[in-house]
């Protein structure tokens, strides 16, 4: 179990730190409305992970019970999807644009939480990514896979919330650094490429 959870957490942390739309949204909320709004946004975003985890847990678990070959095919397709994401990042421009997100204009906290939740739940890319990412880290495929998926999902939620909250609290300093050091986008780009490829290889082997 530990042998799978340690690399899972390491990969999850690196993925969460990658400059995607979620972490940029939290960063902007922290910059424009204060750390409280950024933390509430983070809570809304990570709460949507429960839905994606449930879909993967019950759907993939049913497939595992039907055929080990189908499970192997899912892992192979998942690895291929991660390689595809690495290729997409490789082709993209190494720029972190903080202007693409709008502020909440001091919206009520509950409304902001709901927005974060819906942003995550209604993003089909998250569901596809979880389907590609989670199965490769099951430590006992013949055991209670639903429970294992929920453990992975909880760990992913926990680390994501802690990181997003830290980003919200440090929003001013982080945004200032990114604006003064545009070359940091190149570093983040290659970190994402290496992480996606590394996870894909881990799932295969």
Foldseek 3Di string as FASTA:
>chain_A
DVVLVVVLLVLLLLVLPQQDPLLLQLLVQLVPPNLVLSLLLLLLQLVLLVVLLQCLLVVLLVVLVVDPVVLLVLQLVLLVVLLVVLVVLVPDDLFRDSPVDDYPVPDDSVVSSNVSNCVNNVDVVNSSNCSSQVSLRDPDSPPNSSVVSVVSSVSSSVSSSVVSSVSSNCSVVVVVVCVVCRVVSVVSSVSSSCSSNVSSVSSND
